[in-house]
C-alpha atoms as a PDB file:
ATOM      1  CA  MET A   1      93.324  80.436 109.146  1.00  0.00           C
ATOM      2  CA  LYS A   2      96.975  81.544 107.882  1.00  0.00           C
ATOM      3  CA  ALA A   3      98.176  84.748 109.014  1.00  0.00           C
ATOM      4  CA  LEU A   4     101.489  87.079 109.084  1.00  0.00           C
ATOM      5  CA  ILE A   5     102.435  87.823 112.553  1.00  0.00           C
ATOM      6  CA  PRO A   6     105.847  89.861 113.588  1.00  0.00           C
ATOM      7  CA  THR A   7     108.846  88.347 114.574  1.00  0.00           C
ATOM      8  CA  GLY A   8     111.038  91.291 115.904  1.00  0.00           C
ATOM      9  CA  ASP A   9     113.797  89.818 113.850  1.00  0.00           C
ATOM     10  CA  PRO A  10     114.911  92.656 111.244  1.00  0.00           C
ATOM     11  CA  ALA A  11     116.075  89.856 108.964  1.00  0.00           C
ATOM     12  CA  GLU A  12     112.458  88.130 108.533  1.00  0.00           C
ATOM     13  CA  GLN A  13     109.953  90.702 109.937  1.00  0.00           C
ATOM     14  CA  VAL A  14     106.986  88.315 109.903  1.00  0.00           C
ATOM     15  CA  VAL A  15     106.308  84.482 109.392  1.00  0.00           C
ATOM     16  CA  LEU A  16     102.955  82.553 108.011  1.00  0.00           C
ATOM     17  CA  ALA A  17     101.249  81.308 110.905  1.00  0.00           C
ATOM     18  CA  ASP A  18      97.760  79.341 111.926  1.00  0.00           C
ATOM     19  CA  VAL A  19      96.055  81.767 113.780  1.00  0.00           C
ATOM     20  CA  PRO A  20      91.909  81.768 115.159  1.00  0.00           C
ATOM     21  CA  GLU A  21      89.650  83.321 112.675  1.00  0.00           C
ATOM     22  CA  PRO A  22      88.389  86.774 113.213  1.00  0.00           C
ATOM     23  CA  VAL A  23      85.109  86.690 114.636  1.00  0.00           C
ATOM     24  CA  PRO A  24      83.239  90.045 113.267  1.00  0.00           C
ATOM     25  CA  ARG A  25      81.690  92.358 115.464  1.00  0.00           C
ATOM     26  CA  ALA A  26      78.410  93.681 114.535  1.00  0.00           C
ATOM     27  CA  ASN A  27      79.630  96.441 112.331  1.00  0.00           C
ATOM     28  CA  GLU A  28      82.318  94.443 110.755  1.00  0.00           C
ATOM     29  CA  ALA A  29      82.217  92.845 107.685  1.00  0.00           C
ATOM     30  CA  LEU A  30      84.271  89.359 106.694  1.00  0.00           C
ATOM     31  CA  VAL A  31      86.785  89.580 104.351  1.00  0.00           C
ATOM     32  CA  LYS A  32      88.201  87.042 102.070  1.00  0.00           C
ATOM     33  CA  VAL A  33      91.464  88.431 101.233  1.00  0.00           C
ATOM     34  CA  GLU A  34      92.601  88.124  97.677  1.00  0.00           C
ATOM     35  CA  ALA A  35      95.331  90.741  97.553  1.00  0.00           C
ATOM     36  CA  PHE A  36      97.357  93.480 100.084  1.00  0.00           C
ATOM     37  CA  SER A  37     100.100  96.391 100.017  1.00  0.00           C
ATOM     38  CA  ALA A  38     102.533  96.964 102.213  1.00  0.00           C
ATOM     39  CA  ASN A  39     103.580 100.244 103.141  1.00  0.00           C
ATOM     40  CA  ARG A  40     107.004 101.320 104.209  1.00  0.00           C
ATOM     41  CA  GLY A  41     105.883 102.774 107.621  1.00  0.00           C
ATOM     42  CA  GLU A  42     104.461  99.654 108.245  1.00  0.00           C
ATOM     43  CA  THR A  43     108.050  98.190 108.093  1.00  0.00           C
ATOM     44  CA  PHE A  44     109.034 100.848 111.168  1.00  0.00           C
ATOM     45  CA  LYS A  45     106.500  99.494 113.116  1.00  0.00           C
ATOM     46  CA  LEU A  46     107.833  95.807 112.460  1.00  0.00           C
ATOM     47  CA  GLU A  47     110.936  96.814 114.457  1.00  0.00           C
ATOM     48  CA  ALA A  48     109.381  96.489 117.678  1.00  0.00           C
ATOM     49  CA  PRO A  49     106.037  95.276 117.298  1.00  0.00           C
ATOM     50  CA  ALA A  50     103.571  95.107 120.174  1.00  0.00           C
ATOM     51  CA  PRO A  51     102.802  91.838 122.068  1.00  0.00           C
ATOM     52  CA  GLY A  52      99.950  90.590 119.781  1.00  0.00           C
ATOM     53  CA  GLU A  53     100.109  92.961 117.317  1.00  0.00           C
ATOM     54  CA  ARG A  54      98.870  92.159 113.689  1.00  0.00           C
ATOM     55  CA  PRO A  55     100.172  93.910 110.653  1.00  0.00           C
ATOM     56  CA  GLY A  56      97.749  94.493 107.742  1.00  0.00           C
ATOM     57  CA  LYS A  57      95.832  97.883 106.375  1.00  0.00           C
ATOM     58  CA  ASP A  58      95.611  97.718 102.796  1.00  0.00           C
ATOM     59  CA  ILE A  59      93.477  94.699 101.387  1.00  0.00           C
ATOM     60  CA  ALA A  60      91.025  93.959  98.525  1.00  0.00           C
ATOM     61  CA  GLY A  61      89.331  90.653  98.684  1.00  0.00           C
ATOM     62  CA  LEU A  62      85.533  89.642  98.984  1.00  0.00           C
ATOM     63  CA  VAL A  63      82.571  90.301 101.439  1.00  0.00           C
ATOM     64  CA  VAL A  64      81.950  86.465 102.705  1.00  0.00           C
ATOM     65  CA  GLN A  65      80.029  87.455 105.734  1.00  0.00           C
ATOM     66  CA  PRO A  66      78.140  91.116 105.513  1.00  0.00           C
ATOM     67  CA  ALA A  67      78.256  93.143 109.064  1.00  0.00           C
ATOM     68  CA  ALA A  68      75.323  91.801 110.805  1.00  0.00           C
ATOM     69  CA  ASP A  69      74.049  95.535 111.737  1.00  0.00           C
ATOM     70  CA  GLY A  70      73.539  95.727 107.845  1.00  0.00           C
ATOM     71  CA  SER A  71      76.127  98.629 107.309  1.00  0.00           C
ATOM     72  CA  GLY A  72      78.298  98.851 104.516  1.00  0.00           C
ATOM     73  CA  PRO A  73      78.289  96.103 101.574  1.00  0.00           C
ATOM     74  CA  ALA A  74      75.124  93.743 101.158  1.00  0.00           C
ATOM     75  CA  GLY A  75      75.855  89.954 100.510  1.00  0.00           C
ATOM     76  CA  ILE A  76      78.617  89.041  98.252  1.00  0.00           C
ATOM     77  CA  ALA A  77      80.642  91.873  96.897  1.00  0.00           C
ATOM     78  CA  ARG A  78      84.400  92.533  95.701  1.00  0.00           C
ATOM     79  CA  VAL A  79      85.733  95.255  98.164  1.00  0.00           C
ATOM     80  CA  VAL A  80      88.598  96.991  98.969  1.00  0.00           C
ATOM     81  CA  GLY A  81      89.164  97.735 103.075  1.00  0.00           C
ATOM     82  CA  HIS A  82      91.123  99.729 105.089  1.00  0.00           C
ATOM     83  CA  PRO A  83      90.962  97.625 108.798  1.00  0.00           C
ATOM     84  CA  MET A  84      93.427  99.300 111.211  1.00  0.00           C
ATOM     85  CA  ALA A  85      95.157  95.733 111.617  1.00  0.00           C
ATOM     86  CA  GLY A  86      94.737  92.322 110.754  1.00  0.00           C
ATOM     87  CA  GLY A  87      94.767  92.220 106.946  1.00  0.00           C
ATOM     88  CA  TRP A  88      97.868  90.550 106.070  1.00  0.00           C
ATOM     89  CA  ALA A  89      95.696  87.049 106.497  1.00  0.00           C
ATOM     90  CA  GLU A  90      93.496  85.031 105.007  1.00  0.00           C
ATOM     91  CA  PHE A  91      90.641  86.291 106.137  1.00  0.00           C
ATOM     92  CA  ALA A  92      90.261  89.940 108.192  1.00  0.00           C
ATOM     93  CA  ALA A  93      87.315  91.489 110.088  1.00  0.00           C
ATOM     94  CA  VAL A  94      86.615  95.125 108.649  1.00  0.00           C
ATOM     95  CA  PRO A  95      84.504  97.787 109.533  1.00  0.00           C
ATOM     96  CA  ALA A  96      81.481  98.167 107.242  1.00  0.00           C
ATOM     97  CA  ASP A  97      82.280 101.990 107.115  1.00  0.00           C
ATOM     98  CA  ALA A  98      85.984 101.436 105.856  1.00  0.00           C
ATOM     99  CA  LEU A  99      84.973  99.144 102.607  1.00  0.00           C
ATOM    100  CA  ALA A 100      84.036 100.265  98.989  1.00  0.00           C
ATOM    101  CA  VAL A 101      82.880  98.271  96.428  1.00  0.00           C
ATOM    102  CA  LEU A 102      85.278  97.293  93.733  1.00  0.00           C
ATOM    103  CA  PRO A 103      83.687  97.102  89.966  1.00  0.00           C
ATOM    104  CA  ASP A 104      84.825  94.644  87.740  1.00  0.00           C
ATOM    105  CA  THR A 105      86.954  97.432  85.749  1.00  0.00           C
ATOM    106  CA  VAL A 106      89.101  97.467  89.221  1.00  0.00           C
ATOM    107  CA  SER A 107      91.247  94.568  89.853  1.00  0.00           C
ATOM    108  CA  ALA A 108      92.239  93.771  93.089  1.00  0.00           C
ATOM    109  CA  LEU A 109      95.401  94.376  92.639  1.00  0.00           C
ATOM    110  CA  GLN A 110      94.892  98.112  92.171  1.00  0.00           C
ATOM    111  CA  GLY A 111      91.865  97.719  94.893  1.00  0.00           C
ATOM    112  CA  ALA A 112      94.493  96.939  97.489  1.00  0.00           C
ATOM    113  CA  ALA A 113      96.940  99.644  96.560  1.00  0.00           C
ATOM    114  CA  LEU A 114      94.982 102.335  97.072  1.00  0.00           C
ATOM    115  CA  PRO A 115      94.143 102.692 100.472  1.00  0.00           C
ATOM    116  CA  LEU A 116      97.118 104.035 102.859  1.00  0.00           C
ATOM    117  CA  ALA A 117      98.451 106.431 100.598  1.00  0.00           C
ATOM    118  CA  GLY A 118      95.376 107.055  98.204  1.00  0.00           C
ATOM    119  CA  LEU A 119      93.512 108.340 101.627  1.00  0.00           C
ATOM    120  CA  THR A 120      96.132 110.317 102.700  1.00  0.00           C
ATOM    121  CA  ALA A 121      96.775 111.596  99.388  1.00  0.00           C
ATOM    122  CA  LEU A 122      93.235 112.796  98.947  1.00  0.00           C
ATOM    123  CA  ARG A 123      92.858 114.161 102.358  1.00  0.00           C
ATOM    124  CA  LEU A 124      96.315 116.031 102.124  1.00  0.00           C
ATOM    125  CA  LEU A 125      94.711 117.937  99.194  1.00  0.00           C
ATOM    126  CA  ARG A 126      91.437 118.660 101.157  1.00  0.00           C
ATOM    127  CA  THR A 127      93.557 120.046 104.357  1.00  0.00           C
ATOM    128  CA  ALA A 128      95.979 122.474 101.262  1.00  0.00           C
ATOM    129  CA  GLY A 129      92.469 123.414 100.008  1.00  0.00           C
ATOM    130  CA  PRO A 130      92.010 125.031  96.625  1.00  0.00           C
ATOM    131  CA  VAL A 131      94.972 124.433  94.339  1.00  0.00           C
ATOM    132  CA  LEU A 132      93.904 125.668  90.946  1.00  0.00           C
ATOM    133  CA  GLY A 133      96.559 127.821  89.736  1.00  0.00           C
ATOM    134  CA  ARG A 134      98.726 127.556  92.821  1.00  0.00           C
ATOM    135  CA  ARG A 135     102.488 126.361  93.065  1.00  0.00           C
ATOM    136  CA  LEU A 136     102.428 123.023  94.962  1.00  0.00           C
ATOM    137  CA  LEU A 137     106.209 121.391  96.229  1.00  0.00           C
ATOM    138  CA  VAL A 138     105.918 117.936  97.218  1.00  0.00           C
ATOM    139  CA  THR A 139     108.748 115.888  98.885  1.00  0.00           C
ATOM    140  CA  GLY A 140     109.448 112.407  99.436  1.00  0.00           C
ATOM    141  CA  ALA A 141     107.438 112.276  96.234  1.00  0.00           C
ATOM    142  CA  SER A 142     108.539 108.909  95.038  1.00  0.00           C
ATOM    143  CA  GLY A 143     106.510 106.912  97.303  1.00  0.00           C
ATOM    144  CA  GLY A 144     102.650 106.543  96.874  1.00  0.00           C
ATOM    145  CA  VAL A 145     101.580 109.237  98.150  1.00  0.00           C
ATOM    146  CA  GLY A 146     103.644 111.690  96.340  1.00  0.00           C
ATOM    147  CA  HIS A 147     102.942 109.972  93.306  1.00  0.00           C
ATOM    148  CA  PHE A 148      98.840 110.199  94.017  1.00  0.00           C
ATOM    149  CA  VAL A 149      99.198 113.680  95.044  1.00  0.00           C
ATOM    150  CA  THR A 150     100.906 114.739  92.143  1.00  0.00           C
ATOM    151  CA  GLU A 151      98.202 112.871  89.888  1.00  0.00           C
ATOM    152  CA  LEU A 152      95.807 114.631  92.035  1.00  0.00           C
ATOM    153  CA  ALA A 153      96.616 117.931  92.117  1.00  0.00           C
ATOM    154  CA  ALA A 154      98.076 118.439  88.431  1.00  0.00           C
ATOM    155  CA  ALA A 155      94.390 117.479  87.708  1.00  0.00           C
ATOM    156  CA  ALA A 156      93.008 120.243  89.364  1.00  0.00           C
ATOM    157  CA  GLY A 157      95.022 122.971  87.897  1.00  0.00           C
ATOM    158  CA  ALA A 158      98.145 123.098  90.428  1.00  0.00           C
ATOM    159  CA  GLU A 159     101.584 123.654  89.456  1.00  0.00           C
ATOM    160  CA  VAL A 160     103.272 120.624  91.229  1.00  0.00           C
ATOM    161  CA  THR A 161     106.798 120.194  91.435  1.00  0.00           C
ATOM    162  CA  ALA A 162     107.842 116.824  92.919  1.00  0.00           C
ATOM    163  CA  VAL A 163     111.058 115.830  94.821  1.00  0.00           C
ATOM    164  CA  THR A 164     112.943 112.501  94.231  1.00  0.00           C
ATOM    165  CA  ARG A 165     116.069 111.407  94.103  1.00  0.00           C
ATOM    166  CA  ASP A 166     115.223 108.542  91.543  1.00  0.00           C
ATOM    167  CA  ALA A 167     115.495 109.679  88.143  1.00  0.00           C
ATOM    168  CA  VAL A 168     112.913 106.719  86.829  1.00  0.00           C
ATOM    169  CA  ARG A 169     110.365 107.880  89.357  1.00  0.00           C
ATOM    170  CA  GLY A 170     110.666 111.293  88.504  1.00  0.00           C
ATOM    171  CA  ALA A 171     110.101 110.203  84.614  1.00  0.00           C
ATOM    172  CA  ARG A 172     106.702 108.869  85.922  1.00  0.00           C
ATOM    173  CA  LEU A 173     105.320 111.994  87.600  1.00  0.00           C
ATOM    174  CA  THR A 174     106.319 113.984  85.003  1.00  0.00           C
ATOM    175  CA  GLU A 175     104.024 111.735  82.514  1.00  0.00           C
ATOM    176  CA  LEU A 176     101.383 112.364  85.586  1.00  0.00           C
ATOM    177  CA  GLY A 177     101.540 116.016  85.749  1.00  0.00           C
ATOM    178  CA  ALA A 178     104.342 117.249  87.492  1.00  0.00           C
ATOM    179  CA  ALA A 179     105.272 120.652  85.807  1.00  0.00           C
ATOM    180  CA  ALA A 180     109.235 120.440  87.187  1.00  0.00           C
ATOM    181  CA  ILE A 181     110.942 117.718  89.316  1.00  0.00           C
ATOM    182  CA  VAL A 182     113.902 118.384  91.423  1.00  0.00           C
ATOM    183  CA  HIS A 183     116.524 115.872  93.270  1.00  0.00           C
ATOM    184  CA  ASP A 184     117.328 117.917  95.968  1.00  0.00           C
ATOM    185  CA  PRO A 185     114.866 120.380  97.816  1.00  0.00           C
ATOM    186  CA  ALA A 186     117.132 123.151  98.149  1.00  0.00           C
ATOM    187  CA  ASP A 187     117.144 122.998  93.949  1.00  0.00           C
ATOM    188  CA  ALA A 188     113.258 123.733  94.039  1.00  0.00           C
ATOM    189  CA  ARG A 189     113.088 127.202  92.711  1.00  0.00           C
ATOM    190  CA  GLY A 190     110.840 130.334  93.305  1.00  0.00           C
ATOM    191  CA  ARG A 191     108.284 130.142  96.018  1.00  0.00           C
ATOM    192  CA  TYR A 192     105.408 127.939  96.513  1.00  0.00           C
ATOM    193  CA  ASP A 193     101.676 128.630  97.899  1.00  0.00           C
ATOM    194  CA  ILE A 194     101.581 125.146  99.424  1.00  0.00           C
ATOM    195  CA  VAL A 195     104.140 123.021 100.310  1.00  0.00           C
ATOM    196  CA  LEU A 196     103.551 118.959 101.157  1.00  0.00           C
ATOM    197  CA  GLU A 197     106.546 118.042 103.524  1.00  0.00           C
ATOM    198  CA  SER A 198     106.989 114.242 104.689  1.00  0.00           C
ATOM    199  CA  THR A 199     110.711 113.787 105.334  1.00  0.00           C
ATOM    200  CA  GLY A 200     111.409 116.257 108.414  1.00  0.00           C
ATOM    201  CA  GLY A 201     114.916 116.694 109.693  1.00  0.00           C
ATOM    202  CA  GLU A 202     116.782 118.839 107.467  1.00  0.00           C
ATOM    203  CA  THR A 203     114.372 119.346 104.767  1.00  0.00           C
ATOM    204  CA  LEU A 204     111.348 120.741 106.492  1.00  0.00           C
ATOM    205  CA  PRO A 205     113.280 124.291 107.141  1.00  0.00           C
ATOM    206  CA  VAL A 206     115.051 123.974 103.525  1.00  0.00           C
ATOM    207  CA  VAL A 207     111.331 123.905 101.847  1.00  0.00           C
ATOM    208  CA  LEU A 208     109.518 126.283 104.505  1.00  0.00           C
ATOM    209  CA  ALA A 209     111.994 128.777 103.057  1.00  0.00           C
ATOM    210  CA  ARG A 210     110.638 128.172  99.633  1.00  0.00           C
ATOM    211  CA  LEU A 211     107.317 129.077 100.847  1.00  0.00           C
ATOM    212  CA  ALA A 212     105.522 132.237  99.717  1.00  0.00           C
ATOM    213  CA  LYS A 213     104.251 134.922 102.109  1.00  0.00           C
ATOM    214  CA  ARG A 214     101.340 133.798 103.980  1.00  0.00           C
ATOM    215  CA  GLY A 215     101.516 130.202 102.223  1.00  0.00           C
ATOM    216  CA  THR A 216     100.976 126.748 104.005  1.00  0.00           C
ATOM    217  CA  LEU A 217     102.817 124.212 105.127  1.00  0.00           C
ATOM    218  CA  VAL A 218     101.458 120.761 105.735  1.00  0.00           C
ATOM    219  CA  TRP A 219     103.900 118.494 107.320  1.00  0.00           C
ATOM    220  CA  PHE A 220     102.523 115.009 107.154  1.00  0.00           C
ATOM    221  CA  GLY A 221     105.592 112.951 107.913  1.00  0.00           C
ATOM    222  CA  GLN A 222     109.226 112.423 108.639  1.00  0.00           C
ATOM    223  CA  ALA A 223     110.837 109.646 106.865  1.00  0.00           C
ATOM    224  CA  SER A 224     114.150 110.222 107.634  1.00  0.00           C
ATOM    225  CA  ARG A 225     113.124 109.184 111.008  1.00  0.00           C
ATOM    226  CA  THR A 226     114.722 112.377 112.210  1.00  0.00           C
ATOM    227  CA  PRO A 227     113.383 115.768 114.299  1.00  0.00           C
ATOM    228  CA  ALA A 228     113.523 118.603 112.299  1.00  0.00           C
ATOM    229  CA  THR A 229     114.643 122.333 113.927  1.00  0.00           C
ATOM    230  CA  LEU A 230     113.234 125.670 112.859  1.00  0.00           C
ATOM    231  CA  ASP A 231     114.455 128.743 113.794  1.00  0.00           C
ATOM    232  CA  PHE A 232     111.924 131.995 114.057  1.00  0.00           C
ATOM    233  CA  PHE A 233     113.769 134.416 112.587  1.00  0.00           C
ATOM    234  CA  ASP A 234     113.865 132.124 109.383  1.00  0.00           C
ATOM    235  CA  PHE A 235     109.865 133.040 108.568  1.00  0.00           C
ATOM    236  CA  PHE A 236     111.534 136.976 107.925  1.00  0.00           C
ATOM    237  CA  ASP A 237     113.487 135.709 104.878  1.00  0.00           C
ATOM    238  CA  GLY A 238     110.186 134.662 102.784  1.00  0.00           C
ATOM    239  CA  PRO A 239     107.371 133.104 104.165  1.00  0.00           C
ATOM    240  CA  GLU A 240     106.311 135.494 106.891  1.00  0.00           C
ATOM    241  CA  SER A 241     103.172 134.987 108.692  1.00  0.00           C
ATOM    242  CA  ALA A 242     103.274 131.135 107.027  1.00  0.00           C
ATOM    243  CA  VAL A 243     101.368 128.498 108.582  1.00  0.00           C
ATOM    244  CA  ILE A 244     103.048 125.248 109.268  1.00  0.00           C
ATOM    245  CA  ARG A 245      99.937 122.488 109.781  1.00  0.00           C
ATOM    246  CA  HIS A 246     100.221 119.112 111.247  1.00  0.00           C
ATOM    247  CA  PHE A 247      98.571 116.448 109.588  1.00  0.00           C
ATOM    248  CA  HIS A 248      97.099 112.859 110.479  1.00  0.00           C
ATOM    249  CA  TYR A 249      95.204 111.023 107.746  1.00  0.00           C
ATOM    250  CA  LEU A 250      92.844 109.556 110.032  1.00  0.00           C
ATOM    251  CA  ASP A 251      91.499 113.214 111.487  1.00  0.00           C
ATOM    252  CA  ALA A 252      89.084 113.878 108.498  1.00  0.00           C
ATOM    253  CA  ASP A 253      85.554 115.334 108.484  1.00  0.00           C
ATOM    254  CA  THR A 254      84.836 112.344 105.811  1.00  0.00           C
ATOM    255  CA  GLY A 255      84.339 108.667 106.266  1.00  0.00           C
ATOM    256  CA  LEU A 256      87.331 106.123 105.094  1.00  0.00           C
ATOM    257  CA  GLY A 257      84.330 104.131 103.250  1.00  0.00           C
ATOM    258  CA  ASP A 258      83.018 107.390 101.402  1.00  0.00           C
ATOM    259  CA  ASP A 259      86.620 108.326 100.079  1.00  0.00           C
ATOM    260  CA  LEU A 260      87.658 104.869  99.436  1.00  0.00           C
ATOM    261  CA  ALA A 261      85.003 105.073  97.087  1.00  0.00           C
ATOM    262  CA  ALA A 262      86.202 108.401  95.427  1.00  0.00           C
ATOM    263  CA  LEU A 263      89.618 106.684  94.895  1.00  0.00           C
ATOM    264  CA  VAL A 264      88.059 103.850  93.274  1.00  0.00           C
ATOM    265  CA  ARG A 265      85.800 105.646  91.015  1.00  0.00           C
ATOM    266  CA  LEU A 266      88.311 107.649  90.206  1.00  0.00           C
ATOM    267  CA  THR A 267      90.772 104.649  89.148  1.00  0.00           C
ATOM    268  CA  ALA A 268      87.499 103.058  87.160  1.00  0.00           C
ATOM    269  CA  GLU A 269      87.475 106.353  85.186  1.00  0.00           C
ATOM    270  CA  GLY A 270      91.084 106.232  84.054  1.00  0.00           C
ATOM    271  CA  ARG A 271      92.009 109.312  86.115  1.00  0.00           C
ATOM    272  CA  LEU A 272      94.403 108.055  88.716  1.00  0.00           C
ATOM    273  CA  HIS A 273      96.766 105.013  88.503  1.00  0.00           C
ATOM    274  CA  PRO A 274      98.001 102.846  91.363  1.00  0.00           C
ATOM    275  CA  GLU A 275     101.438 102.122  90.608  1.00  0.00           C
ATOM    276  CA  ILE A 276     102.691  98.939  91.446  1.00  0.00           C
ATOM    277  CA  GLY A 277     106.071  98.272  91.871  1.00  0.00           C
ATOM    278  CA  ARG A 278     105.759  94.585  92.721  1.00  0.00           C
ATOM    279  CA  VAL A 279     103.386  91.845  92.636  1.00  0.00           C
ATOM    280  CA  ALA A 280     104.447  88.635  94.889  1.00  0.00           C
ATOM    281  CA  ASP A 281     103.009  85.754  96.579  1.00  0.00           C
ATOM    282  CA  TRP A 282     102.447  86.442 100.236  1.00  0.00           C
ATOM    283  CA  ALA A 283     104.509  83.452 101.317  1.00  0.00           C
ATOM    284  CA  ASP A 284     107.306  86.043 100.047  1.00  0.00           C
ATOM    285  CA  THR A 285     106.586  89.017 102.277  1.00  0.00           C
ATOM    286  CA  ALA A 286     109.436  89.140 104.464  1.00  0.00           C
ATOM    287  CA  THR A 287     111.521  89.487 101.673  1.00  0.00           C
ATOM    288  CA  VAL A 288     109.558  92.313  99.795  1.00  0.00           C
ATOM    289  CA  LEU A 289     109.482  93.948 103.132  1.00  0.00           C
ATOM    290  CA  THR A 290     112.989  94.300 103.467  1.00  0.00           C
ATOM    291  CA  ASP A 291     113.257  95.415 100.072  1.00  0.00           C
ATOM    292  CA  LEU A 292     110.530  98.117 100.962  1.00  0.00           C
ATOM    293  CA  ARG A 293     112.331  99.086 104.090  1.00  0.00           C
ATOM    294  CA  ASP A 294     115.462  99.219 101.899  1.00  0.00           C
ATOM    295  CA  ARG A 295     113.566 101.576  98.907  1.00  0.00           C
ATOM    296  CA  ARG A 296     114.423  98.950  96.414  1.00  0.00           C
ATOM    297  CA  ILE A 297     110.729  98.731  94.886  1.00  0.00           C
ATOM    298  CA  ARG A 298     109.255 101.477  92.747  1.00  0.00           C
ATOM    299  CA  GLY A 299     105.896 102.024  93.769  1.00  0.00           C
ATOM    300  CA  LYS A 300     103.412 100.018  95.928  1.00  0.00           C
ATOM    301  CA  ALA A 301     104.055  96.255  96.955  1.00  0.00           C
ATOM    302  CA  VAL A 302     101.373  94.191  96.673  1.00  0.00           C
ATOM    303  CA  LEU A 303     101.256  90.601  98.125  1.00  0.00           C
ATOM    304  CA  THR A 304      98.411  88.343  96.319  1.00  0.00           C
ATOM    305  CA  LEU A 305      97.287  84.757  98.093  1.00  0.00           C
ATOM    306  CA  SER A 306      97.453  81.745  96.861  1.00  0.00           C
END
C-alpha cells in the first residue's frame, strides 16, 4: 500500500512510499482511510523522526476487517479513529476501542477533524470541572483545541475569553460563543476561575496572574516551545492558593471510542462544528505540513485519499 513516511528534511517532511499493508492484532480493525487530518504538534515530531516512525493519529474511513476478538464496530462501517501512529496511509490498523461509528450526516472530512483536538477539548473541560457561570480564559485559541473548547464551554454556560492574535479567528470564536476576544494575554481583564493554558514561555506567568483566588490553571501545552518560569511570591498578588494542573489528553478515565462517539453525536446534532481550514489531496501533504507549521492555515488541515 501507499503511505506517507518521514524524511527528516524540513523542506519536505514526508514522502509517499510503498510499505507493507498492516496486519491487525486481535483487538484491532483494519480501516481503509478516506481522510486524515494533520496537527501542528505532528509537524514538530517530524523534525527529528524516530527510525521507522509512521505519523497519523486522526483518520476517518471504512472498516474493511472488523477486530477478530469481536470488539468495536461489527461488519463494514464508516468510522472515525484515533490510532497512535500510522494513519497517513491507505490502510490503518486501529484499536477497536479507539473507533466510533460515523452517521451519514457527518462527513469523513468532519470526522477526520475531530479526534486529537476534540478529545483534548472534551477532556480538558472535564478536568476543569463545572463551568456554568464561571469565567474561563483560553490561550492559543486559534487552533483546533481552542475552537472546540470555546464552543463546548460557552454552550455549558461559561463566560469565555479567548486569546488569539488572528482577527479572523477571533470573529469566528465570537460566533461560537466567546464573550470576549483579546489579542494579547496581558489584555485579559479581571479574574478568571479557570485558565486553560497551551502556550508556555512568557504567557504562563501572565495568565496565572489573571487567575482568581483558589482558581485552577490547567497547563496542557507549550506551543511556544519555550519553558515557563514562575515565582512563588507572584501567587500573593491575586491567585493565592491557586492550583496549577498538568494535563495530558490520554490520561483519562473514559475510553477513546466513547469520547469519540460523544464528539460525533455533538457534531451530528449541530452542537459542535469542526473547523476545516484546508482540504487537499494527500499527495500535497508535505506542502500542507509546511503551511501548518508556519501558521498559514486557519482551522484543521484535512487530507483526502484519491
